[in-house]
Amino acid sequence: MDRRFRFRRAANYINLATPLGLLISVIGGTSRQPGPNGLILAFGYRYRFPIAGAFTVGNVVLTKWNALDERLILHEDRHASQWAWCVGLPMLPLYLISMLVSVIVCGHQASYNLFERLADLDDGGYPREPLRWRRPTGDA
């Protein structure tokens, strides 16, 4: 494994994000297996919240599905790095604020969410919604 991913793995354990992700995976009834770049893939998450195909907490990628495609794993891999850069738990309120801003400016939780944009909207399967003030109003 590349040195930067070993560093990220250690940082996410130290900042308690990965232990939190592992706890969520146990509560969510997932089966876990090692993934690329030090990720832990947790399949079969049984709860409806959050509303996403997959979500990442530390180095743990949780999903209700039995498999993830390569592009989505790349997207979630970038989120694992964001957890390390945000020093763990501060990522939660920062992400929620970014999601709220996105809903306000375009009506979608991911299109203008800084964290989703940095993780690549296309890889995450998110739409690129136009800003509310740039939409055609239909008044002609």
Protein backbone atom coordinates (compact mmCIF):
# COMPACT_ATOMS: atom_id res chain seq x y z
CA MET A 1 0.00 0.00 0.00
CA ASP A 2 1.23 3.47 -0.89
CA ARG A 3 2.64 5.56 1.97
CA ARG A 4 -0.08 8.23 1.69
CA PHE A 5 -2.80 5.61 2.21
CA ARG A 6 -0.97 4.15 5.21
CA PHE A 7 -0.79 7.69 6.63
CA ARG A 8 -4.52 8.23 5.96
CA ARG A 9 -5.39 4.91 7.60
CA ALA A 10 -3.37 5.79 10.71
CA ALA A 11 -4.79 9.34 10.84
CA ASN A 12 -8.38 8.08 10.61
CA TYR A 13 -7.77 5.59 13.44
CA ILE A 14 -6.12 8.23 15.64
CA ASN A 15 -8.86 10.81 15.01
CA LEU A 16 -11.45 8.10 15.87
CA ALA A 17 -13.28 8.32 12.54
CA THR A 18 -12.51 4.73 11.50
CA PRO A 19 -13.45 3.29 14.92
CA LEU A 20 -16.76 5.20 14.62
CA GLY A 21 -17.24 3.79 11.11
CA LEU A 22 -16.56 0.27 12.40
CA LEU A 23 -19.07 0.77 15.21
CA ILE A 24 -21.69 1.96 12.71
CA SER A 25 -20.94 -1.05 10.51
CA VAL A 26 -21.49 -3.45 13.44
CA ILE A 27 -24.75 -1.71 14.46
CA GLY A 28 -25.81 -1.69 10.80
CA GLY A 29 -25.31 -5.45 10.51
CA THR A 30 -22.74 -5.34 7.73
CA SER A 31 -20.18 -7.86 6.61
CA ARG A 32 -16.74 -6.27 6.34
CA GLN A 33 -13.85 -6.99 4.04
CA PRO A 34 -10.60 -5.23 3.17
CA GLY A 35 -10.81 -2.86 0.21
CA PRO A 36 -8.29 -0.94 -1.86
CA ASN A 37 -5.98 1.70 -0.37
CA GLY A 38 -6.63 0.68 3.23
CA LEU A 39 -10.41 1.03 2.98
CA ILE A 40 -12.76 -1.33 4.78
CA LEU A 41 -15.82 -2.20 2.68
CA ALA A 42 -18.94 -2.87 4.75
CA PHE A 43 -21.74 -4.51 2.75
CA GLY A 44 -25.38 -5.05 3.69
CA TYR A 45 -25.98 -1.90 5.80
CA ARG A 46 -29.59 -2.31 6.94
CA TYR A 47 -30.75 1.21 7.82
CA ARG A 48 -32.30 3.77 5.45
CA PHE A 49 -30.32 6.69 6.86
CA PRO A 50 -28.37 8.30 5.35
CA ILE A 51 -30.01 8.32 1.95
CA ALA A 52 -27.06 7.34 -0.24
CA GLY A 53 -25.86 4.35 -2.19
CA ALA A 54 -22.76 4.35 -0.02
CA PHE A 55 -21.26 6.57 2.65
CA THR A 56 -17.87 6.74 4.31
CA VAL A 57 -16.88 7.24 7.93
CA GLY A 58 -13.11 7.31 8.33
CA ASN A 59 -11.78 4.47 6.20
CA VAL A 60 -15.02 2.48 6.38
CA VAL A 61 -17.25 2.52 3.28
CA LEU A 62 -20.79 1.41 4.18
CA THR A 63 -23.41 0.34 1.66
CA LYS A 64 -26.68 -1.57 1.58
CA TRP A 65 -25.53 -3.37 -1.57
CA ASN A 66 -23.43 -6.53 -1.91
CA ALA A 67 -20.86 -4.88 -4.20
CA LEU A 68 -19.65 -1.43 -5.29
CA ASP A 69 -18.46 -0.36 -8.71
CA GLU A 70 -14.97 0.97 -9.18
CA ARG A 71 -16.01 4.61 -9.71
CA LEU A 72 -18.05 4.70 -6.51
CA ILE A 73 -15.15 3.18 -4.57
CA LEU A 74 -12.91 5.95 -5.97
CA HIS A 75 -15.46 8.55 -4.85
CA GLU A 76 -15.67 7.07 -1.34
CA ASP A 77 -11.86 6.76 -1.23
CA ARG A 78 -11.68 10.54 -1.64
CA HIS A 79 -14.13 10.95 1.25
CA ALA A 80 -11.82 8.83 3.44
CA SER A 81 -9.06 11.36 2.71
CA GLN A 82 -11.43 14.20 3.60
CA TRP A 83 -12.03 12.56 6.99
CA ALA A 84 -8.27 12.56 7.58
CA TRP A 85 -7.85 16.20 6.49
CA CYS A 86 -10.78 17.34 8.65
CA VAL A 87 -9.21 15.57 11.64
CA GLY A 88 -12.11 13.18 12.09
CA LEU A 89 -15.32 14.15 13.80
CA PRO A 90 -15.32 17.85 12.72
CA MET A 91 -16.09 16.39 9.27
CA LEU A 92 -19.69 15.71 10.35
CA PRO A 93 -20.82 19.31 11.02
CA LEU A 94 -18.75 20.62 8.10
CA TYR A 95 -20.37 18.11 5.76
CA LEU A 96 -23.87 18.91 7.07
CA ILE A 97 -23.29 22.66 6.61
CA SER A 98 -22.03 22.05 3.08
CA MET A 99 -25.08 19.90 2.34
CA LEU A 100 -27.42 22.62 3.65
CA VAL A 101 -25.70 25.26 1.48
CA SER A 102 -26.14 22.99 -1.55
CA VAL A 103 -29.85 22.54 -0.85
CA ILE A 104 -30.27 26.30 -0.48
CA VAL A 105 -28.44 27.24 -3.68
CA CYS A 106 -29.72 24.48 -6.00
CA GLY A 107 -32.25 22.28 -4.22
CA HIS A 108 -30.06 19.14 -4.20
CA GLN A 109 -27.97 17.95 -1.25
CA ALA A 110 -24.87 17.07 -3.29
CA SER A 111 -24.62 19.27 -6.40
CA TYR A 112 -22.96 22.20 -4.60
CA ASN A 113 -21.75 20.31 -1.54
CA LEU A 114 -18.02 21.09 -1.39
CA PHE A 115 -17.14 17.61 -0.11
CA GLU A 116 -19.11 15.86 -2.87
CA ARG A 117 -17.67 18.12 -5.55
CA LEU A 118 -14.12 17.45 -4.33
CA ALA A 119 -14.86 13.70 -4.33
CA ASP A 120 -16.16 14.04 -7.95
CA LEU A 121 -19.92 14.25 -8.40
CA ASP A 122 -19.85 12.02 -11.48
CA ASP A 123 -18.02 9.19 -9.70
CA GLY A 124 -20.55 9.45 -6.86
CA GLY A 125 -23.47 9.31 -9.30
CA TYR A 126 -24.74 12.78 -8.36
CA PRO A 127 -26.40 15.24 -10.77
CA ARG A 128 -25.03 18.68 -11.54
CA GLU A 129 -28.08 20.78 -10.74
CA PRO A 130 -28.10 24.43 -11.88
CA LEU A 131 -28.14 27.22 -9.34
CA ARG A 132 -31.65 28.37 -8.40
CA TRP A 133 -31.07 31.88 -9.77
CA ARG A 134 -29.76 30.53 -13.10
CA ARG A 135 -32.74 28.33 -13.91
CA PRO A 136 -35.19 29.34 -16.58
CA THR A 137 -38.39 30.57 -14.93
CA GLY A 138 -40.76 29.73 -17.77
CA ASP A 139 -41.97 33.35 -17.90
CA ALA A 140 -41.80 34.51 -21.48
